[in-house]
């Protein structure tokens, strides 16, 4: 999954901030709990206010990510 996610990060880096959460790092325990992170891999898309927009668990096709990311960006207010 890493090549897919890193490719998406390159494509969307000017519009979306990508954050990687280490599931075995004890310092991330509180955030994992707050996000209800239960299995690996899990991908969580949050809006600008921190609200969950979409969650994927397991293997995800790049095209599935792109549909959701492009849809979210299309609804974003223009500043």
PDB file of N, CA and C in Angstrom:
ATOM      1  N   UNK A   1       0.813  -1.197   0.000  1.00  0.00           N
ATOM      2  CA  UNK A   1       0.000   0.000   0.000  1.00  0.00           C
ATOM      3  C   UNK A   1       0.860   1.266   0.000  1.00  0.00           C
ATOM      4  N   UNK A   2       2.073   1.166   0.499  1.00  0.00           N
ATOM      5  CA  UNK A   2       2.916   2.360   0.595  1.00  0.00           C
ATOM      6  C   UNK A   2       3.107   3.053  -0.755  1.00  0.00           C
ATOM      7  N   UNK A   3       3.398   2.326  -1.851  1.00  0.00           N
ATOM      8  CA  UNK A   3       3.562   3.028  -3.130  1.00  0.00           C
ATOM      9  C   UNK A   3       2.293   3.775  -3.562  1.00  0.00           C
ATOM     10  N   UNK A   4       1.138   3.203  -3.296  1.00  0.00           N
ATOM     11  CA  UNK A   4      -0.127   3.857  -3.656  1.00  0.00           C
ATOM     12  C   UNK A   4      -0.292   5.140  -2.852  1.00  0.00           C
ATOM     13  N   UNK A   5      -0.102   5.048  -1.551  1.00  0.00           N
ATOM     14  CA  UNK A   5      -0.297   6.211  -0.683  1.00  0.00           C
ATOM     15  C   UNK A   5       0.737   7.289  -0.977  1.00  0.00           C
ATOM     16  N   UNK A   6       1.976   6.901  -1.190  1.00  0.00           N
ATOM     17  CA  UNK A   6       3.004   7.903  -1.488  1.00  0.00           C
ATOM     18  C   UNK A   6       2.750   8.558  -2.847  1.00  0.00           C
ATOM     19  N   UNK A   7       2.214   7.808  -3.797  1.00  0.00           N
ATOM     20  CA  UNK A   7       1.838   8.392  -5.087  1.00  0.00           C
ATOM     21  C   UNK A   7       0.722   9.408  -4.930  1.00  0.00           C
ATOM     22  N   UNK A   8      -0.259   9.083  -4.095  1.00  0.00           N
ATOM     23  CA  UNK A   8      -1.345  10.026  -3.820  1.00  0.00           C
ATOM     24  C   UNK A   8      -0.817  11.270  -3.122  1.00  0.00           C
ATOM     25  N   UNK A   9       0.102  11.062  -2.216  1.00  0.00           N
ATOM     26  CA  UNK A   9       0.688  12.205  -1.506  1.00  0.00           C
ATOM     27  C   UNK A   9       1.378  13.145  -2.487  1.00  0.00           C
ATOM     28  N   UNK A  10       2.090  12.596  -3.443  1.00  0.00           N
ATOM     29  CA  UNK A  10       2.744  13.441  -4.451  1.00  0.00           C
ATOM     30  C   UNK A  10       1.710  14.204  -5.269  1.00  0.00           C
ATOM     31  N   UNK A  11       0.655  13.528  -5.667  1.00  0.00           N
ATOM     32  CA  UNK A  11      -0.376  14.132  -6.507  1.00  0.00           C
ATOM     33  C   UNK A  11      -1.145  15.240  -5.774  1.00  0.00           C
ATOM     34  N   UNK A  12      -1.439  15.029  -4.500  1.00  0.00           N
ATOM     35  CA  UNK A  12      -2.316  15.935  -3.755  1.00  0.00           C
ATOM     36  C   UNK A  12      -1.598  16.783  -2.700  1.00  0.00           C
ATOM     37  N   UNK A  13      -0.291  16.758  -2.665  1.00  0.00           N
ATOM     38  CA  UNK A  13       0.442  17.400  -1.563  1.00  0.00           C
ATOM     39  C   UNK A  13       0.157  18.895  -1.418  1.00  0.00           C
ATOM     40  N   UNK A  14      -0.227  19.564  -2.488  1.00  0.00           N
ATOM     41  CA  UNK A  14      -0.508  20.996  -2.378  1.00  0.00           C
ATOM     42  C   UNK A  14      -1.924  21.263  -1.864  1.00  0.00           C
ATOM     43  N   UNK A  15      -2.754  20.191  -1.755  1.00  0.00           N
ATOM     44  CA  UNK A  15      -4.141  20.379  -1.359  1.00  0.00           C
ATOM     45  C   UNK A  15      -4.534  19.609  -0.100  1.00  0.00           C
ATOM     46  N   UNK A  16      -3.829  18.525   0.178  1.00  0.00           N
ATOM     47  CA  UNK A  16      -4.177  17.654   1.293  1.00  0.00           C
ATOM     48  C   UNK A  16      -2.915  17.351   2.092  1.00  0.00           C
ATOM     49  N   UNK A  17      -3.013  17.429   3.402  1.00  0.00           N
ATOM     50  CA  UNK A  17      -1.898  17.087   4.272  1.00  0.00           C
ATOM     51  C   UNK A  17      -2.000  15.602   4.631  1.00  0.00           C
ATOM     52  N   UNK A  18      -0.949  14.862   4.360  1.00  0.00           N
ATOM     53  CA  UNK A  18      -0.899  13.438   4.674  1.00  0.00           C
ATOM     54  C   UNK A  18      -0.130  13.252   5.978  1.00  0.00           C
ATOM     55  N   UNK A  19      -0.707  12.528   6.901  1.00  0.00           N
ATOM     56  CA  UNK A  19      -0.075  12.246   8.190  1.00  0.00           C
ATOM     57  C   UNK A  19      -0.051  10.742   8.369  1.00  0.00           C
ATOM     58  N   UNK A  20       1.094  10.225   8.749  1.00  0.00           N
ATOM     59  CA  UNK A  20       1.254   8.786   8.946  1.00  0.00           C
ATOM     60  C   UNK A  20       1.297   8.492  10.434  1.00  0.00           C
ATOM     61  N   UNK A  21       0.468   7.575  10.864  1.00  0.00           N
ATOM     62  CA  UNK A  21       0.360   7.208  12.267  1.00  0.00           C
ATOM     63  C   UNK A  21       0.990   5.836  12.460  1.00  0.00           C
ATOM     64  N   UNK A  22       2.043   5.776  13.245  1.00  0.00           N
ATOM     65  CA  UNK A  22       2.722   4.508  13.519  1.00  0.00           C
ATOM     66  C   UNK A  22       1.893   3.713  14.522  1.00  0.00           C
ATOM     67  N   UNK A  23       1.335   2.612  14.062  1.00  0.00           N
ATOM     68  CA  UNK A  23       0.406   1.823  14.881  1.00  0.00           C
ATOM     69  C   UNK A  23       1.077   1.094  16.035  1.00  0.00           C
ATOM     70  N   UNK A  24       2.391   0.975  16.025  1.00  0.00           N
ATOM     71  CA  UNK A  24       3.067   0.269  17.114  1.00  0.00           C
ATOM     72  C   UNK A  24       3.812   1.214  18.049  1.00  0.00           C
ATOM     73  N   UNK A  25       3.776   2.499  17.766  1.00  0.00           N
ATOM     74  CA  UNK A  25       4.442   3.495  18.599  1.00  0.00           C
ATOM     75  C   UNK A  25       3.526   3.854  19.770  1.00  0.00           C
ATOM     76  N   UNK A  26       3.989   3.622  20.977  1.00  0.00           N
ATOM     77  CA  UNK A  26       3.156   3.882  22.156  1.00  0.00           C
ATOM     78  C   UNK A  26       2.770   5.357  22.279  1.00  0.00           C
ATOM     79  N   UNK A  27       3.540   6.254  21.692  1.00  0.00           N
ATOM     80  CA  UNK A  27       3.216   7.678  21.791  1.00  0.00           C
ATOM     81  C   UNK A  27       2.000   8.062  20.950  1.00  0.00           C
ATOM     82  N   UNK A  28       1.553   7.170  20.085  1.00  0.00           N
ATOM     83  CA  UNK A  28       0.373   7.458  19.262  1.00  0.00           C
ATOM     84  C   UNK A  28      -0.895   6.803  19.817  1.00  0.00           C
ATOM     85  N   UNK A  29      -0.790   6.175  20.956  1.00  0.00           N
ATOM     86  CA  UNK A  29      -1.918   5.434  21.538  1.00  0.00           C
ATOM     87  C   UNK A  29      -3.164   6.310  21.714  1.00  0.00           C
ATOM     88  N   UNK A  30      -3.003   7.517  22.240  1.00  0.00           N
ATOM     89  CA  UNK A  30      -4.154   8.395  22.483  1.00  0.00           C
ATOM     90  C   UNK A  30      -4.849   8.769  21.170  1.00  0.00           C
ATOM     91  N   UNK A  31      -4.065   9.130  20.159  1.00  0.00           N
ATOM     92  CA  UNK A  31      -4.650   9.487  18.872  1.00  0.00           C
ATOM     93  C   UNK A  31      -5.331   8.283  18.218  1.00  0.00           C
ATOM     94  N   UNK A  32      -4.708   7.116  18.307  1.00  0.00           N
ATOM     95  CA  UNK A  32      -5.338   5.902  17.759  1.00  0.00           C
ATOM     96  C   UNK A  32      -6.680   5.657  18.437  1.00  0.00           C
ATOM     97  N   UNK A  33      -6.738   5.859  19.731  1.00  0.00           N
ATOM     98  CA  UNK A  33      -7.977   5.665  20.475  1.00  0.00           C
ATOM     99  C   UNK A  33      -9.029   6.678  20.028  1.00  0.00           C
ATOM    100  N   UNK A  34      -8.626   7.921  19.910  1.00  0.00           N
ATOM    101  CA  UNK A  34      -9.553   8.986  19.508  1.00  0.00           C
ATOM    102  C   UNK A  34     -10.110   8.745  18.101  1.00  0.00           C
ATOM    103  N   UNK A  35      -9.281   8.180  17.227  1.00  0.00           N
ATOM    104  CA  UNK A  35      -9.707   7.899  15.855  1.00  0.00           C
ATOM    105  C   UNK A  35     -10.358   6.526  15.712  1.00  0.00           C
ATOM    106  N   UNK A  36     -10.424   5.768  16.805  1.00  0.00           N
ATOM    107  CA  UNK A  36     -10.989   4.422  16.786  1.00  0.00           C
ATOM    108  C   UNK A  36     -10.234   3.524  15.793  1.00  0.00           C
ATOM    109  N   UNK A  37      -8.927   3.650  15.823  1.00  0.00           N
ATOM    110  CA  UNK A  37      -8.041   2.882  14.956  1.00  0.00           C
ATOM    111  C   UNK A  37      -7.911   1.474  15.519  1.00  0.00           C
ATOM    112  N   UNK A  38      -8.310   0.468  14.723  1.00  0.00           N
ATOM    113  CA  UNK A  38      -8.326  -0.897  15.236  1.00  0.00           C
ATOM    114  C   UNK A  38      -7.528  -1.900  14.415  1.00  0.00           C
ATOM    115  N   UNK A  39      -7.303  -1.640  13.143  1.00  0.00           N
ATOM    116  CA  UNK A  39      -6.585  -2.628  12.343  1.00  0.00           C
ATOM    117  C   UNK A  39      -5.666  -1.950  11.340  1.00  0.00           C
ATOM    118  N   UNK A  40      -4.745  -2.741  10.845  1.00  0.00           N
ATOM    119  CA  UNK A  40      -3.708  -2.248   9.937  1.00  0.00           C
ATOM    120  C   UNK A  40      -3.888  -2.911   8.591  1.00  0.00           C
ATOM    121  N   UNK A  41      -3.871  -2.211   7.482  1.00  0.00           N
ATOM    122  CA  UNK A  41      -3.811  -0.749   7.390  1.00  0.00           C
ATOM    123  C   UNK A  41      -5.200  -0.124   7.469  1.00  0.00           C
ATOM    124  N   UNK A  42      -5.232   1.061   8.018  1.00  0.00           N
ATOM    125  CA  UNK A  42      -6.448   1.871   8.061  1.00  0.00           C
ATOM    126  C   UNK A  42      -6.090   3.256   7.528  1.00  0.00           C
ATOM    127  N   UNK A  43      -6.947   3.777   6.679  1.00  0.00           N
ATOM    128  CA  UNK A  43      -6.762   5.098   6.090  1.00  0.00           C
ATOM    129  C   UNK A  43      -7.984   5.926   6.474  1.00  0.00           C
ATOM    130  N   UNK A  44      -7.738   7.075   7.067  1.00  0.00           N
ATOM    131  CA  UNK A  44      -8.832   7.922   7.536  1.00  0.00           C
ATOM    132  C   UNK A  44      -8.683   9.301   6.899  1.00  0.00           C
ATOM    133  N   UNK A  45      -9.723   9.741   6.218  1.00  0.00           N
ATOM    134  CA  UNK A  45      -9.742  11.061   5.605  1.00  0.00           C
ATOM    135  C   UNK A  45     -10.533  11.988   6.509  1.00  0.00           C
ATOM    136  N   UNK A  46      -9.888  13.050   6.956  1.00  0.00           N
ATOM    137  CA  UNK A  46     -10.522  14.039   7.825  1.00  0.00           C
ATOM    138  C   UNK A  46     -10.675  15.349   7.068  1.00  0.00           C
ATOM    139  N   UNK A  47     -11.735  16.082   7.371  1.00  0.00           N
ATOM    140  CA  UNK A  47     -11.888  17.404   6.772  1.00  0.00           C
ATOM    141  C   UNK A  47     -11.062  18.415   7.570  1.00  0.00           C
ATOM    142  N   UNK A  48     -11.143  19.667   7.195  1.00  0.00           N
ATOM    143  CA  UNK A  48     -10.353  20.709   7.836  1.00  0.00           C
ATOM    144  C   UNK A  48     -10.663  20.929   9.302  1.00  0.00           C
ATOM    145  N   UNK A  49     -11.826  20.462   9.749  1.00  0.00           N
ATOM    146  CA  UNK A  49     -12.213  20.599  11.158  1.00  0.00           C
ATOM    147  C   UNK A  49     -11.928  19.325  11.951  1.00  0.00           C
ATOM    148  N   UNK A  50     -11.343  18.332  11.299  1.00  0.00           N
ATOM    149  CA  UNK A  50     -11.024  17.089  11.996  1.00  0.00           C
ATOM    150  C   UNK A  50     -12.147  16.067  12.011  1.00  0.00           C
ATOM    151  N   UNK A  51     -13.200  16.311  11.240  1.00  0.00           N
ATOM    152  CA  UNK A  51     -14.305  15.359  11.146  1.00  0.00           C
ATOM    153  C   UNK A  51     -13.983  14.263  10.128  1.00  0.00           C
ATOM    154  N   UNK A  52     -14.323  13.050  10.462  1.00  0.00           N
ATOM    155  CA  UNK A  52     -14.059  11.943   9.550  1.00  0.00           C
ATOM    156  C   UNK A  52     -14.979  12.027   8.333  1.00  0.00           C
ATOM    157  N   UNK A  53     -14.362  12.000   7.157  1.00  0.00           N
ATOM    158  CA  UNK A  53     -15.091  12.031   5.892  1.00  0.00           C
ATOM    159  C   UNK A  53     -15.248  10.613   5.356  1.00  0.00           C
ATOM    160  N   UNK A  54     -14.176   9.829   5.450  1.00  0.00           N
ATOM    161  CA  UNK A  54     -14.173   8.470   4.893  1.00  0.00           C
ATOM    162  C   UNK A  54     -13.107   7.650   5.609  1.00  0.00           C
ATOM    163  N   UNK A  55     -13.389   6.355   5.746  1.00  0.00           N
ATOM    164  CA  UNK A  55     -12.440   5.419   6.351  1.00  0.00           C
ATOM    165  C   UNK A  55     -12.331   4.195   5.448  1.00  0.00           C
ATOM    166  N   UNK A  56     -11.098   3.787   5.194  1.00  0.00           N
ATOM    167  CA  UNK A  56     -10.833   2.566   4.448  1.00  0.00           C
ATOM    168  C   UNK A  56     -10.042   1.633   5.349  1.00  0.00           C
ATOM    169  N   UNK A  57     -10.374   0.362   5.347  1.00  0.00           N
ATOM    170  CA  UNK A  57      -9.635  -0.633   6.124  1.00  0.00           C
ATOM    171  C   UNK A  57      -9.212  -1.741   5.170  1.00  0.00           C
ATOM    172  N   UNK A  58      -7.929  -2.081   5.237  1.00  0.00           N
ATOM    173  CA  UNK A  58      -7.408  -3.118   4.353  1.00  0.00           C
ATOM    174  C   UNK A  58      -6.879  -2.550   3.059  1.00  0.00           C
ATOM    175  N   UNK A  59      -6.698  -3.413   2.101  1.00  0.00           N
ATOM    176  CA  UNK A  59      -6.157  -3.000   0.798  1.00  0.00           C
ATOM    177  C   UNK A  59      -7.187  -2.169   0.048  1.00  0.00           C
ATOM    178  N   UNK A  60      -6.722  -1.058  -0.532  1.00  0.00           N
ATOM    179  CA  UNK A  60      -7.587  -0.140  -1.263  1.00  0.00           C
ATOM    180  C   UNK A  60      -6.940   0.172  -2.602  1.00  0.00           C
ATOM    181  N   UNK A  61      -7.735   0.152  -3.646  1.00  0.00           N
ATOM    182  CA  UNK A  61      -7.236   0.523  -4.966  1.00  0.00           C
ATOM    183  C   UNK A  61      -7.029   2.030  -5.037  1.00  0.00           C
ATOM    184  N   UNK A  62      -6.004   2.455  -5.744  1.00  0.00           N
ATOM    185  CA  UNK A  62      -5.718   3.878  -5.876  1.00  0.00           C
ATOM    186  C   UNK A  62      -6.926   4.626  -6.436  1.00  0.00           C
ATOM    187  N   UNK A  63      -7.622   4.024  -7.382  1.00  0.00           N
ATOM    188  CA  UNK A  63      -8.786   4.683  -7.984  1.00  0.00           C
ATOM    189  C   UNK A  63      -9.884   4.951  -6.953  1.00  0.00           C
ATOM    190  N   UNK A  64     -10.019   4.087  -5.952  1.00  0.00           N
ATOM    191  CA  UNK A  64     -11.012   4.307  -4.895  1.00  0.00           C
ATOM    192  C   UNK A  64     -10.667   5.539  -4.065  1.00  0.00           C
ATOM    193  N   UNK A  65      -9.394   5.707  -3.767  1.00  0.00           N
ATOM    194  CA  UNK A  65      -8.954   6.904  -3.055  1.00  0.00           C
ATOM    195  C   UNK A  65      -9.226   8.153  -3.899  1.00  0.00           C
ATOM    196  N   UNK A  66      -8.847   8.089  -5.165  1.00  0.00           N
ATOM    197  CA  UNK A  66      -8.943   9.256  -6.043  1.00  0.00           C
ATOM    198  C   UNK A  66     -10.378   9.744  -6.169  1.00  0.00           C
ATOM    199  N   UNK A  67     -11.329   8.842  -6.313  1.00  0.00           N
ATOM    200  CA  UNK A  67     -12.736   9.239  -6.422  1.00  0.00           C
ATOM    201  C   UNK A  67     -13.154  10.054  -5.200  1.00  0.00           C
ATOM    202  N   UNK A  68     -12.802   9.591  -4.028  1.00  0.00           N
ATOM    203  CA  UNK A  68     -13.205  10.280  -2.798  1.00  0.00           C
ATOM    204  C   UNK A  68     -12.433  11.589  -2.619  1.00  0.00           C
ATOM    205  N   UNK A  69     -11.133  11.566  -2.842  1.00  0.00           N
ATOM    206  CA  UNK A  69     -10.335  12.783  -2.675  1.00  0.00           C
ATOM    207  C   UNK A  69     -10.773  13.866  -3.655  1.00  0.00           C
ATOM    208  N   UNK A  70     -10.953  13.495  -4.927  1.00  0.00           N
ATOM    209  CA  UNK A  70     -11.391  14.485  -5.915  1.00  0.00           C
ATOM    210  C   UNK A  70     -12.778  15.017  -5.578  1.00  0.00           C
ATOM    211  N   UNK A  71     -13.659  14.143  -5.113  1.00  0.00           N
ATOM    212  CA  UNK A  71     -14.996  14.577  -4.734  1.00  0.00           C
ATOM    213  C   UNK A  71     -14.971  15.549  -3.566  1.00  0.00           C
ATOM    214  N   UNK A  72     -14.135  15.250  -2.584  1.00  0.00           N
ATOM    215  CA  UNK A  72     -14.022  16.134  -1.432  1.00  0.00           C
ATOM    216  C   UNK A  72     -13.457  17.490  -1.849  1.00  0.00           C
ATOM    217  N   UNK A  73     -12.431  17.478  -2.675  1.00  0.00           N
ATOM    218  CA  UNK A  73     -11.815  18.726  -3.109  1.00  0.00           C
ATOM    219  C   UNK A  73     -12.759  19.559  -3.976  1.00  0.00           C
ATOM    220  N   UNK A  74     -13.619  18.916  -4.751  1.00  0.00           N
ATOM    221  CA  UNK A  74     -14.561  19.629  -5.607  1.00  0.00           C
ATOM    222  C   UNK A  74     -15.597  20.393  -4.775  1.00  0.00           C
ATOM    223  N   UNK A  75     -15.899  19.886  -3.580  1.00  0.00           N
ATOM    224  CA  UNK A  75     -16.876  20.548  -2.710  1.00  0.00           C
ATOM    225  C   UNK A  75     -16.242  21.576  -1.790  1.00  0.00           C
ATOM    226  N   UNK A  76     -14.922  21.664  -1.798  1.00  0.00           N
ATOM    227  CA  UNK A  76     -14.207  22.592  -0.925  1.00  0.00           C
ATOM    228  C   UNK A  76     -14.508  24.033  -1.324  1.00  0.00           C
ATOM    229  N   UNK A  77     -14.760  24.887  -0.366  1.00  0.00           N
ATOM    230  CA  UNK A  77     -14.980  26.307  -0.694  1.00  0.00           C
ATOM    231  C   UNK A  77     -13.734  26.912  -1.319  1.00  0.00           C
ATOM    232  N   UNK A  78     -13.933  27.717  -2.310  1.00  0.00           N
ATOM    233  CA  UNK A  78     -12.814  28.388  -2.991  1.00  0.00           C
ATOM    234  C   UNK A  78     -12.458  29.623  -2.198  1.00  0.00           C
ATOM    235  N   UNK A  79     -11.158  29.781  -1.902  1.00  0.00           N
ATOM    236  CA  UNK A  79     -10.745  30.972  -1.138  1.00  0.00           C
ATOM    237  C   UNK A  79      -9.954  31.934  -1.985  1.00  0.00           C
TER     238      UNK A  79
END
